[in-house]
Amino acid sequence: MYGRFTLYFPIEILPEIFGLSDLPGLVPRYNTAPTQAAAVVRSTGSARRLDLLRWGLVPSWAKGISVGSRMINARSEALPVKPVRNFINEPTRKETSYPGKRNSHL
């Protein structure tokens, strides 16, 4: 299970790699877990921005956000055939990138 990832390279290189103009309070993280804030690069029209978002997939029908920590291993290829697809709203999907490295040893 890959439940954690790291962001340990120099933060200063992110603007050059992703074409960002701002890094809102970003610091290296060595053990980011589900439900914690994770750095996400999102496309906003012609520009990109970095936001800190809560890591987890929370379906629209969920009664609380705690379900997000249990859905970290949802496989993209299974989305069309499994009930978890109910949380995806196709028209609002945007380009995203997650700067960091997956921890395969956990």
PDB file of N, CA and C in Angstrom:
ATOM      1  N   MET A   1       0.839  -1.172   0.000  1.00  0.00           N
ATOM      2  CA  MET A   1       0.000   0.000   0.000  1.00  0.00           C
ATOM      3  C   MET A   1       0.889   1.242   0.000  1.00  0.00           C
ATOM      4  N   TYR A   2       0.517   2.197  -0.826  1.00  0.00           N
ATOM      5  CA  TYR A   2       1.255   3.449  -0.912  1.00  0.00           C
ATOM      6  C   TYR A   2       0.421   4.541  -0.265  1.00  0.00           C
ATOM      7  N   GLY A   3       0.487   4.653   1.027  1.00  0.00           N
ATOM      8  CA  GLY A   3      -0.349   5.604   1.726  1.00  0.00           C
ATOM      9  C   GLY A   3       0.330   6.903   2.082  1.00  0.00           C
ATOM     10  N   ARG A   4       1.579   7.061   1.691  1.00  0.00           N
ATOM     11  CA  ARG A   4       2.306   8.273   2.073  1.00  0.00           C
ATOM     12  C   ARG A   4       3.242   8.704   0.957  1.00  0.00           C
ATOM     13  N   PHE A   5       3.599   9.983   0.980  1.00  0.00           N
ATOM     14  CA  PHE A   5       4.582  10.459   0.024  1.00  0.00           C
ATOM     15  C   PHE A   5       5.382  11.592   0.639  1.00  0.00           C
ATOM     16  N   THR A   6       6.473  11.948  -0.026  1.00  0.00           N
ATOM     17  CA  THR A   6       7.369  12.982   0.487  1.00  0.00           C
ATOM     18  C   THR A   6       7.510  14.122  -0.507  1.00  0.00           C
ATOM     19  N   LEU A   7       7.822  15.281   0.022  1.00  0.00           N
ATOM     20  CA  LEU A   7       8.162  16.453  -0.778  1.00  0.00           C
ATOM     21  C   LEU A   7       9.445  16.985  -0.154  1.00  0.00           C
ATOM     22  N   TYR A   8      10.578  16.461  -0.633  1.00  0.00           N
ATOM     23  CA  TYR A   8      11.837  16.750   0.051  1.00  0.00           C
ATOM     24  C   TYR A   8      12.868  17.479  -0.799  1.00  0.00           C
ATOM     25  N   PHE A   9      12.571  17.755  -2.047  1.00  0.00           N
ATOM     26  CA  PHE A   9      13.538  18.485  -2.862  1.00  0.00           C
ATOM     27  C   PHE A   9      13.406  19.978  -2.586  1.00  0.00           C
ATOM     28  N   PRO A  10      14.371  20.781  -3.039  1.00  0.00           N
ATOM     29  CA  PRO A  10      14.315  22.220  -2.746  1.00  0.00           C
ATOM     30  C   PRO A  10      13.032  22.861  -3.290  1.00  0.00           C
ATOM     31  N   ILE A  11      12.271  23.472  -2.427  1.00  0.00           N
ATOM     32  CA  ILE A  11      10.998  24.089  -2.795  1.00  0.00           C
ATOM     33  C   ILE A  11      11.196  25.171  -3.858  1.00  0.00           C
ATOM     34  N   GLU A  12      12.350  25.811  -3.842  1.00  0.00           N
ATOM     35  CA  GLU A  12      12.614  26.921  -4.756  1.00  0.00           C
ATOM     36  C   GLU A  12      12.575  26.506  -6.226  1.00  0.00           C
ATOM     37  N   ILE A  13      12.705  25.214  -6.531  1.00  0.00           N
ATOM     38  CA  ILE A  13      12.705  24.795  -7.933  1.00  0.00           C
ATOM     39  C   ILE A  13      11.293  24.590  -8.491  1.00  0.00           C
ATOM     40  N   LEU A  14      10.279  24.560  -7.640  1.00  0.00           N
ATOM     41  CA  LEU A  14       8.910  24.335  -8.104  1.00  0.00           C
ATOM     42  C   LEU A  14       8.410  25.386  -9.091  1.00  0.00           C
ATOM     43  N   PRO A  15       8.653  26.692  -8.859  1.00  0.00           N
ATOM     44  CA  PRO A  15       8.173  27.671  -9.842  1.00  0.00           C
ATOM     45  C   PRO A  15       8.725  27.425 -11.243  1.00  0.00           C
ATOM     46  N   GLU A  16       9.982  27.054 -11.339  1.00  0.00           N
ATOM     47  CA  GLU A  16      10.584  26.801 -12.648  1.00  0.00           C
ATOM     48  C   GLU A  16      10.008  25.535 -13.289  1.00  0.00           C
ATOM     49  N   ILE A  17       9.848  24.487 -12.514  1.00  0.00           N
ATOM     50  CA  ILE A  17       9.349  23.217 -13.052  1.00  0.00           C
ATOM     51  C   ILE A  17       7.891  23.323 -13.489  1.00  0.00           C
ATOM     52  N   PHE A  18       7.045  23.930 -12.656  1.00  0.00           N
ATOM     53  CA  PHE A  18       5.610  23.959 -12.913  1.00  0.00           C
ATOM     54  C   PHE A  18       5.089  25.296 -13.431  1.00  0.00           C
ATOM     55  N   GLY A  19       5.948  26.294 -13.572  1.00  0.00           N
ATOM     56  CA  GLY A  19       5.494  27.596 -14.055  1.00  0.00           C
ATOM     57  C   GLY A  19       4.612  28.317 -13.051  1.00  0.00           C
ATOM     58  N   LEU A  20       5.031  28.325 -11.792  1.00  0.00           N
ATOM     59  CA  LEU A  20       4.255  28.942 -10.719  1.00  0.00           C
ATOM     60  C   LEU A  20       4.786  30.327 -10.398  1.00  0.00           C
ATOM     61  N   SER A  21       3.905  31.181  -9.867  1.00  0.00           N
ATOM     62  CA  SER A  21       4.351  32.504  -9.447  1.00  0.00           C
ATOM     63  C   SER A  21       4.354  32.654  -7.929  1.00  0.00           C
ATOM     64  N   ASP A  22       3.706  31.728  -7.213  1.00  0.00           N
ATOM     65  CA  ASP A  22       3.588  31.865  -5.765  1.00  0.00           C
ATOM     66  C   ASP A  22       3.671  30.490  -5.101  1.00  0.00           C
ATOM     67  N   LEU A  23       4.320  30.427  -3.948  1.00  0.00           N
ATOM     68  CA  LEU A  23       4.400  29.196  -3.153  1.00  0.00           C
ATOM     69  C   LEU A  23       3.838  29.494  -1.766  1.00  0.00           C
ATOM     70  N   PRO A  24       2.548  29.272  -1.537  1.00  0.00           N
ATOM     71  CA  PRO A  24       1.906  29.673  -0.279  1.00  0.00           C
ATOM     72  C   PRO A  24       2.329  28.837   0.922  1.00  0.00           C
ATOM     73  N   GLY A  25       3.330  29.294   1.640  1.00  0.00           N
ATOM     74  CA  GLY A  25       3.750  28.651   2.881  1.00  0.00           C
ATOM     75  C   GLY A  25       4.181  27.204   2.742  1.00  0.00           C
ATOM     76  N   LEU A  26       4.771  26.847   1.638  1.00  0.00           N
ATOM     77  CA  LEU A  26       5.160  25.463   1.396  1.00  0.00           C
ATOM     78  C   LEU A  26       6.513  25.166   2.031  1.00  0.00           C
ATOM     79  N   VAL A  27       6.580  24.060   2.746  1.00  0.00           N
ATOM     80  CA  VAL A  27       7.826  23.592   3.357  1.00  0.00           C
ATOM     81  C   VAL A  27       7.991  22.114   3.015  1.00  0.00           C
ATOM     82  N   PRO A  28       9.232  21.597   3.010  1.00  0.00           N
ATOM     83  CA  PRO A  28       9.425  20.164   2.739  1.00  0.00           C
ATOM     84  C   PRO A  28       8.671  19.312   3.761  1.00  0.00           C
ATOM     85  N   ARG A  29       8.095  18.214   3.292  1.00  0.00           N
ATOM     86  CA  ARG A  29       7.399  17.259   4.157  1.00  0.00           C
ATOM     87  C   ARG A  29       7.971  15.883   3.859  1.00  0.00           C
ATOM     88  N   TYR A  30       8.278  15.131   4.871  1.00  0.00           N
ATOM     89  CA  TYR A  30       8.928  13.840   4.685  1.00  0.00           C
ATOM     90  C   TYR A  30       8.000  12.652   4.921  1.00  0.00           C
ATOM     91  N   ASN A  31       6.777  12.886   5.356  1.00  0.00           N
ATOM     92  CA  ASN A  31       5.881  11.777   5.649  1.00  0.00           C
ATOM     93  C   ASN A  31       4.430  12.252   5.567  1.00  0.00           C
ATOM     94  N   THR A  32       3.994  12.680   4.402  1.00  0.00           N
ATOM     95  CA  THR A  32       2.637  13.172   4.225  1.00  0.00           C
ATOM     96  C   THR A  32       1.670  11.993   4.175  1.00  0.00           C
ATOM     97  N   ALA A  33       0.654  12.016   5.019  1.00  0.00           N
ATOM     98  CA  ALA A  33      -0.309  10.918   5.131  1.00  0.00           C
ATOM     99  C   ALA A  33      -1.697  11.375   4.684  1.00  0.00           C
ATOM    100  N   PRO A  34      -2.583  10.427   4.380  1.00  0.00           N
ATOM    101  CA  PRO A  34      -3.961  10.787   4.053  1.00  0.00           C
ATOM    102  C   PRO A  34      -4.578  11.644   5.147  1.00  0.00           C
ATOM    103  N   THR A  35      -5.404  12.563   4.764  1.00  0.00           N
ATOM    104  CA  THR A  35      -6.107  13.564   5.574  1.00  0.00           C
ATOM    105  C   THR A  35      -5.245  14.780   5.889  1.00  0.00           C
ATOM    106  N   GLN A  36      -3.947  14.751   5.570  1.00  0.00           N
ATOM    107  CA  GLN A  36      -3.092  15.919   5.792  1.00  0.00           C
ATOM    108  C   GLN A  36      -3.087  16.804   4.543  1.00  0.00           C
ATOM    109  N   ALA A  37      -2.657  18.043   4.700  1.00  0.00           N
ATOM    110  CA  ALA A  37      -2.566  18.960   3.567  1.00  0.00           C
ATOM    111  C   ALA A  37      -1.422  18.535   2.653  1.00  0.00           C
ATOM    112  N   ALA A  38      -1.706  18.487   1.358  1.00  0.00           N
ATOM    113  CA  ALA A  38      -0.710  18.102   0.362  1.00  0.00           C
ATOM    114  C   ALA A  38      -0.643  19.179  -0.713  1.00  0.00           C
ATOM    115  N   ALA A  39       0.549  19.398  -1.246  1.00  0.00           N
ATOM    116  CA  ALA A  39       0.741  20.385  -2.305  1.00  0.00           C
ATOM    117  C   ALA A  39       0.184  19.840  -3.616  1.00  0.00           C
ATOM    118  N   VAL A  40      -0.637  20.659  -4.278  1.00  0.00           N
ATOM    119  CA  VAL A  40      -1.244  20.279  -5.554  1.00  0.00           C
ATOM    120  C   VAL A  40      -1.091  21.452  -6.510  1.00  0.00           C
ATOM    121  N   VAL A  41      -0.573  21.184  -7.705  1.00  0.00           N
ATOM    122  CA  VAL A  41      -0.466  22.207  -8.742  1.00  0.00           C
ATOM    123  C   VAL A  41      -1.686  22.069  -9.633  1.00  0.00           C
ATOM    124  N   ARG A  42      -2.473  23.159  -9.737  1.00  0.00           N
ATOM    125  CA  ARG A  42      -3.707  23.127 -10.528  1.00  0.00           C
ATOM    126  C   ARG A  42      -3.658  24.150 -11.646  1.00  0.00           C
ATOM    127  N   SER A  43      -4.295  23.790 -12.735  1.00  0.00           N
ATOM    128  CA  SER A  43      -4.405  24.685 -13.873  1.00  0.00           C
ATOM    129  C   SER A  43      -5.593  25.616 -13.657  1.00  0.00           C
ATOM    130  N   THR A  44      -5.372  26.907 -13.843  1.00  0.00           N
ATOM    131  CA  THR A  44      -6.448  27.893 -13.725  1.00  0.00           C
ATOM    132  C   THR A  44      -6.480  28.703 -15.011  1.00  0.00           C
ATOM    133  N   GLY A  45      -7.057  28.130 -16.044  1.00  0.00           N
ATOM    134  CA  GLY A  45      -7.060  28.798 -17.341  1.00  0.00           C
ATOM    135  C   GLY A  45      -5.695  28.703 -17.976  1.00  0.00           C
ATOM    136  N   SER A  46      -5.056  29.839 -18.206  1.00  0.00           N
ATOM    137  CA  SER A  46      -3.737  29.842 -18.840  1.00  0.00           C
ATOM    138  C   SER A  46      -2.596  29.787 -17.829  1.00  0.00           C
ATOM    139  N   ALA A  47      -2.900  29.866 -16.548  1.00  0.00           N
ATOM    140  CA  ALA A  47      -1.864  29.860 -15.509  1.00  0.00           C
ATOM    141  C   ALA A  47      -1.989  28.609 -14.643  1.00  0.00           C
ATOM    142  N   ARG A  48      -0.993  28.410 -13.805  1.00  0.00           N
ATOM    143  CA  ARG A  48      -1.008  27.332 -12.815  1.00  0.00           C
ATOM    144  C   ARG A  48      -0.798  27.931 -11.443  1.00  0.00           C
ATOM    145  N   ARG A  49      -1.357  27.264 -10.440  1.00  0.00           N
ATOM    146  CA  ARG A  49      -1.145  27.725  -9.067  1.00  0.00           C
ATOM    147  C   ARG A  49      -0.970  26.519  -8.165  1.00  0.00           C
ATOM    148  N   LEU A  50      -0.283  26.736  -7.059  1.00  0.00           N
ATOM    149  CA  LEU A  50      -0.068  25.684  -6.078  1.00  0.00           C
ATOM    150  C   LEU A  50      -0.996  25.935  -4.897  1.00  0.00           C
ATOM    151  N   ASP A  51      -1.748  24.914  -4.524  1.00  0.00           N
ATOM    152  CA  ASP A  51      -2.642  24.992  -3.372  1.00  0.00           C
ATOM    153  C   ASP A  51      -2.317  23.852  -2.418  1.00  0.00           C
ATOM    154  N   LEU A  52      -2.597  24.055  -1.153  1.00  0.00           N
ATOM    155  CA  LEU A  52      -2.483  22.992  -0.159  1.00  0.00           C
ATOM    156  C   LEU A  52      -3.884  22.451   0.070  1.00  0.00           C
ATOM    157  N   LEU A  53      -4.100  21.183  -0.314  1.00  0.00           N
ATOM    158  CA  LEU A  53      -5.416  20.568  -0.227  1.00  0.00           C
ATOM    159  C   LEU A  53      -5.378  19.348   0.677  1.00  0.00           C
ATOM    160  N   ARG A  54      -6.492  19.050   1.298  1.00  0.00           N
ATOM    161  CA  ARG A  54      -6.606  17.863   2.149  1.00  0.00           C
ATOM    162  C   ARG A  54      -6.563  16.632   1.260  1.00  0.00           C
ATOM    163  N   TRP A  55      -5.691  15.680   1.575  1.00  0.00           N
ATOM    164  CA  TRP A  55      -5.516  14.483   0.774  1.00  0.00           C
ATOM    165  C   TRP A  55      -6.596  13.470   1.131  1.00  0.00           C
ATOM    166  N   GLY A  56      -7.394  13.108   0.146  1.00  0.00           N
ATOM    167  CA  GLY A  56      -8.441  12.109   0.315  1.00  0.00           C
ATOM    168  C   GLY A  56      -9.521  12.285  -0.734  1.00  0.00           C
ATOM    169  N   LEU A  57     -10.192  11.200  -1.083  1.00  0.00           N
ATOM    170  CA  LEU A  57     -11.282  11.232  -2.049  1.00  0.00           C
ATOM    171  C   LEU A  57     -12.588  11.171  -1.276  1.00  0.00           C
ATOM    172  N   VAL A  58     -13.353  12.249  -1.307  1.00  0.00           N
ATOM    173  CA  VAL A  58     -14.595  12.303  -0.549  1.00  0.00           C
ATOM    174  C   VAL A  58     -15.766  12.356  -1.526  1.00  0.00           C
ATOM    175  N   PRO A  59     -16.566  11.281  -1.611  1.00  0.00           N
ATOM    176  CA  PRO A  59     -17.717  11.271  -2.511  1.00  0.00           C
ATOM    177  C   PRO A  59     -18.764  12.300  -2.090  1.00  0.00           C
ATOM    178  N   SER A  60     -19.547  12.772  -3.040  1.00  0.00           N
ATOM    179  CA  SER A  60     -20.580  13.763  -2.733  1.00  0.00           C
ATOM    180  C   SER A  60     -21.640  13.202  -1.791  1.00  0.00           C
ATOM    181  N   TRP A  61     -21.842  11.885  -1.802  1.00  0.00           N
ATOM    182  CA  TRP A  61     -22.865  11.269  -0.963  1.00  0.00           C
ATOM    183  C   TRP A  61     -22.383  10.968   0.456  1.00  0.00           C
ATOM    184  N   ALA A  62     -21.098  11.190   0.742  1.00  0.00           N
ATOM    185  CA  ALA A  62     -20.540  10.865   2.060  1.00  0.00           C
ATOM    186  C   ALA A  62     -21.130  11.772   3.135  1.00  0.00           C
ATOM    187  N   LYS A  63     -21.344  11.218   4.305  1.00  0.00           N
ATOM    188  CA  LYS A  63     -21.880  11.989   5.432  1.00  0.00           C
ATOM    189  C   LYS A  63     -20.798  12.784   6.160  1.00  0.00           C
ATOM    190  N   GLY A  64     -19.543  12.482   5.904  1.00  0.00           N
ATOM    191  CA  GLY A  64     -18.444  13.201   6.534  1.00  0.00           C
ATOM    192  C   GLY A  64     -17.169  13.027   5.732  1.00  0.00           C
ATOM    193  N   ILE A  65     -16.158  13.817   6.051  1.00  0.00           N
ATOM    194  CA  ILE A  65     -14.916  13.757   5.278  1.00  0.00           C
ATOM    195  C   ILE A  65     -14.012  12.606   5.690  1.00  0.00           C
ATOM    196  N   SER A  66     -14.332  11.904   6.778  1.00  0.00           N
ATOM    197  CA  SER A  66     -13.463  10.815   7.233  1.00  0.00           C
ATOM    198  C   SER A  66     -13.377   9.679   6.221  1.00  0.00           C
ATOM    199  N   VAL A  67     -14.365   9.537   5.355  1.00  0.00           N
ATOM    200  CA  VAL A  67     -14.322   8.486   4.338  1.00  0.00           C
ATOM    201  C   VAL A  67     -13.141   8.698   3.389  1.00  0.00           C
ATOM    202  N   GLY A  68     -12.660   9.910   3.258  1.00  0.00           N
ATOM    203  CA  GLY A  68     -11.550  10.215   2.361  1.00  0.00           C
ATOM    204  C   GLY A  68     -10.268   9.486   2.697  1.00  0.00           C
ATOM    205  N   SER A  69     -10.017   9.225   3.960  1.00  0.00           N
ATOM    206  CA  SER A  69      -8.787   8.528   4.338  1.00  0.00           C
ATOM    207  C   SER A  69      -8.844   7.048   3.987  1.00  0.00           C
ATOM    208  N   ARG A  70     -10.044   6.507   3.773  1.00  0.00           N
ATOM    209  CA  ARG A  70     -10.179   5.095   3.414  1.00  0.00           C
ATOM    210  C   ARG A  70     -10.148   4.868   1.908  1.00  0.00           C
ATOM    211  N   MET A  71     -10.164   5.934   1.120  1.00  0.00           N
ATOM    212  CA  MET A  71     -10.242   5.787  -0.328  1.00  0.00           C
ATOM    213  C   MET A  71      -8.953   6.199  -1.023  1.00  0.00           C
ATOM    214  N   ILE A  72      -7.841   6.160  -0.340  1.00  0.00           N
ATOM    215  CA  ILE A  72      -6.592   6.630  -0.928  1.00  0.00           C
ATOM    216  C   ILE A  72      -6.072   5.729  -2.020  1.00  0.00           C
ATOM    217  N   ASN A  73      -6.497   4.479  -2.059  1.00  0.00           N
ATOM    218  CA  ASN A  73      -5.983   3.548  -3.057  1.00  0.00           C
ATOM    219  C   ASN A  73      -6.972   3.269  -4.176  1.00  0.00           C
ATOM    220  N   ALA A  74      -7.916   4.160  -4.421  1.00  0.00           N
ATOM    221  CA  ALA A  74      -8.852   3.981  -5.529  1.00  0.00           C
ATOM    222  C   ALA A  74      -8.058   3.996  -6.834  1.00  0.00           C
ATOM    223  N   ARG A  75      -8.258   2.996  -7.662  1.00  0.00           N
ATOM    224  CA  ARG A  75      -7.524   2.884  -8.929  1.00  0.00           C
ATOM    225  C   ARG A  75      -8.283   3.591 -10.041  1.00  0.00           C
ATOM    226  N   SER A  76      -7.579   4.388 -10.820  1.00  0.00           N
ATOM    227  CA  SER A  76      -8.230   5.138 -11.889  1.00  0.00           C
ATOM    228  C   SER A  76      -8.869   4.227 -12.921  1.00  0.00           C
ATOM    229  N   GLU A  77      -8.259   3.075 -13.216  1.00  0.00           N
ATOM    230  CA  GLU A  77      -8.829   2.176 -14.220  1.00  0.00           C
ATOM    231  C   GLU A  77     -10.109   1.499 -13.733  1.00  0.00           C
ATOM    232  N   ALA A  78     -10.353   1.495 -12.435  1.00  0.00           N
ATOM    233  CA  ALA A  78     -11.561   0.878 -11.894  1.00  0.00           C
ATOM    234  C   ALA A  78     -12.717   1.868 -11.763  1.00  0.00           C
ATOM    235  N   LEU A  79     -12.459   3.152 -11.918  1.00  0.00           N
ATOM    236  CA  LEU A  79     -13.500   4.154 -11.715  1.00  0.00           C
ATOM    237  C   LEU A  79     -14.741   3.949 -12.583  1.00  0.00           C
ATOM    238  N   PRO A  80     -14.616   3.558 -13.867  1.00  0.00           N
ATOM    239  CA  PRO A  80     -15.832   3.390 -14.679  1.00  0.00           C
ATOM    240  C   PRO A  80     -16.721   2.226 -14.243  1.00  0.00           C
ATOM    241  N   VAL A  81     -16.200   1.258 -13.496  1.00  0.00           N
ATOM    242  CA  VAL A  81     -16.978   0.060 -13.183  1.00  0.00           C
ATOM    243  C   VAL A  81     -17.289  -0.133 -11.703  1.00  0.00           C
ATOM    244  N   LYS A  82     -16.755   0.684 -10.842  1.00  0.00           N
ATOM    245  CA  LYS A  82     -16.991   0.520  -9.406  1.00  0.00           C
ATOM    246  C   LYS A  82     -17.819   1.690  -8.874  1.00  0.00           C
ATOM    247  N   PRO A  83     -18.548   1.480  -7.783  1.00  0.00           N
ATOM    248  CA  PRO A  83     -19.413   2.531  -7.241  1.00  0.00           C
ATOM    249  C   PRO A  83     -18.696   3.818  -6.862  1.00  0.00           C
ATOM    250  N   VAL A  84     -17.400   3.778  -6.639  1.00  0.00           N
ATOM    251  CA  VAL A  84     -16.669   4.985  -6.245  1.00  0.00           C
ATOM    252  C   VAL A  84     -16.771   6.067  -7.322  1.00  0.00           C
ATOM    253  N   ARG A  85     -17.138   5.693  -8.540  1.00  0.00           N
ATOM    254  CA  ARG A  85     -17.234   6.672  -9.626  1.00  0.00           C
ATOM    255  C   ARG A  85     -18.259   7.763  -9.325  1.00  0.00           C
ATOM    256  N   ASN A  86     -19.146   7.537  -8.371  1.00  0.00           N
ATOM    257  CA  ASN A  86     -20.180   8.512  -8.061  1.00  0.00           C
ATOM    258  C   ASN A  86     -19.636   9.839  -7.542  1.00  0.00           C
ATOM    259  N   PHE A  87     -18.411   9.868  -7.077  1.00  0.00           N
ATOM    260  CA  PHE A  87     -17.892  11.131  -6.553  1.00  0.00           C
ATOM    261  C   PHE A  87     -17.224  11.980  -7.618  1.00  0.00           C
ATOM    262  N   ILE A  88     -17.070  11.465  -8.817  1.00  0.00           N
ATOM    263  CA  ILE A  88     -16.397  12.222  -9.874  1.00  0.00           C
ATOM    264  C   ILE A  88     -17.408  13.064 -10.630  1.00  0.00           C
ATOM    265  N   ASN A  89     -17.114  14.321 -10.776  1.00  0.00           N
ATOM    266  CA  ASN A  89     -17.946  15.233 -11.547  1.00  0.00           C
ATOM    267  C   ASN A  89     -17.144  15.611 -12.784  1.00  0.00           C
ATOM    268  N   GLU A  90     -17.346  14.905 -13.876  1.00  0.00           N
ATOM    269  CA  GLU A  90     -16.528  15.059 -15.080  1.00  0.00           C
ATOM    270  C   GLU A  90     -16.348  16.509 -15.541  1.00  0.00           C
ATOM    271  N   PRO A  91     -17.401  17.341 -15.587  1.00  0.00           N
ATOM    272  CA  PRO A  91     -17.192  18.701 -16.100  1.00  0.00           C
ATOM    273  C   PRO A  91     -16.220  19.538 -15.281  1.00  0.00           C
ATOM    274  N   THR A  92     -15.996  19.187 -14.008  1.00  0.00           N
ATOM    275  CA  THR A  92     -15.117  20.007 -13.177  1.00  0.00           C
ATOM    276  C   THR A  92     -13.703  19.462 -13.076  1.00  0.00           C
ATOM    277  N   ARG A  93     -13.411  18.371 -13.778  1.00  0.00           N
ATOM    278  CA  ARG A  93     -12.055  17.814 -13.716  1.00  0.00           C
ATOM    279  C   ARG A  93     -11.071  18.794 -14.344  1.00  0.00           C
ATOM    280  N   LYS A  94      -9.936  18.947 -13.704  1.00  0.00           N
ATOM    281  CA  LYS A  94      -8.910  19.873 -14.180  1.00  0.00           C
ATOM    282  C   LYS A  94      -7.559  19.178 -14.144  1.00  0.00           C
ATOM    283  N   GLU A  95      -6.610  19.759 -14.842  1.00  0.00           N
ATOM    284  CA  GLU A  95      -5.243  19.234 -14.828  1.00  0.00           C
ATOM    285  C   GLU A  95      -4.636  19.471 -13.451  1.00  0.00           C
ATOM    286  N   THR A  96      -4.081  18.424 -12.848  1.00  0.00           N
ATOM    287  CA  THR A  96      -3.423  18.561 -11.551  1.00  0.00           C
ATOM    288  C   THR A  96      -2.108  17.808 -11.548  1.00  0.00           C
ATOM    289  N   SER A  97      -1.185  18.264 -10.734  1.00  0.00           N
ATOM    290  CA  SER A  97       0.094  17.585 -10.526  1.00  0.00           C
ATOM    291  C   SER A  97       0.370  17.571  -9.031  1.00  0.00           C
ATOM    292  N   TYR A  98       1.010  16.507  -8.586  1.00  0.00           N
ATOM    293  CA  TYR A  98       1.357  16.355  -7.180  1.00  0.00           C
ATOM    294  C   TYR A  98       2.869  16.286  -7.064  1.00  0.00           C
ATOM    295  N   PRO A  99       3.527  17.398  -6.750  1.00  0.00           N
ATOM    296  CA  PRO A  99       4.981  17.355  -6.620  1.00  0.00           C
ATOM    297  C   PRO A  99       5.369  16.542  -5.395  1.00  0.00           C
ATOM    298  N   GLY A 100       6.177  15.551  -5.583  1.00  0.00           N
ATOM    299  CA  GLY A 100       6.603  14.716  -4.468  1.00  0.00           C
ATOM    300  C   GLY A 100       6.984  13.333  -4.940  1.00  0.00           C
ATOM    301  N   LYS A 101       7.339  12.483  -4.011  1.00  0.00           N
ATOM    302  CA  LYS A 101       7.768  11.120  -4.311  1.00  0.00           C
ATOM    303  C   LYS A 101       6.976  10.167  -3.433  1.00  0.00           C
ATOM    304  N   ARG A 102       6.431   9.125  -4.057  1.00  0.00           N
ATOM    305  CA  ARG A 102       5.664   8.119  -3.329  1.00  0.00           C
ATOM    306  C   ARG A 102       6.611   7.289  -2.473  1.00  0.00           C
ATOM    307  N   ASN A 103       6.217   7.012  -1.242  1.00  0.00           N
ATOM    308  CA  ASN A 103       7.017   6.176  -0.341  1.00  0.00           C
ATOM    309  C   ASN A 103       6.617   4.725  -0.544  1.00  0.00           C
ATOM    310  N   SER A 104       7.445   3.942  -1.213  1.00  0.00           N
ATOM    311  CA  SER A 104       7.092   2.557  -1.501  1.00  0.00           C
ATOM    312  C   SER A 104       7.415   1.611  -0.350  1.00  0.00           C
ATOM    313  N   HIS A 105       8.127   2.079   0.634  1.00  0.00           N
ATOM    314  CA  HIS A 105       8.519   1.210   1.742  1.00  0.00           C
ATOM    315  C   HIS A 105       7.476   1.146   2.853  1.00  0.00           C
ATOM    316  N   LEU A 106       6.420   1.911   2.774  1.00  0.00           N
ATOM    317  CA  LEU A 106       5.418   1.929   3.853  1.00  0.00           C
ATOM    318  C   LEU A 106       4.250   1.040   3.519  1.00  0.00           C
TER     319      LEU A 106
END
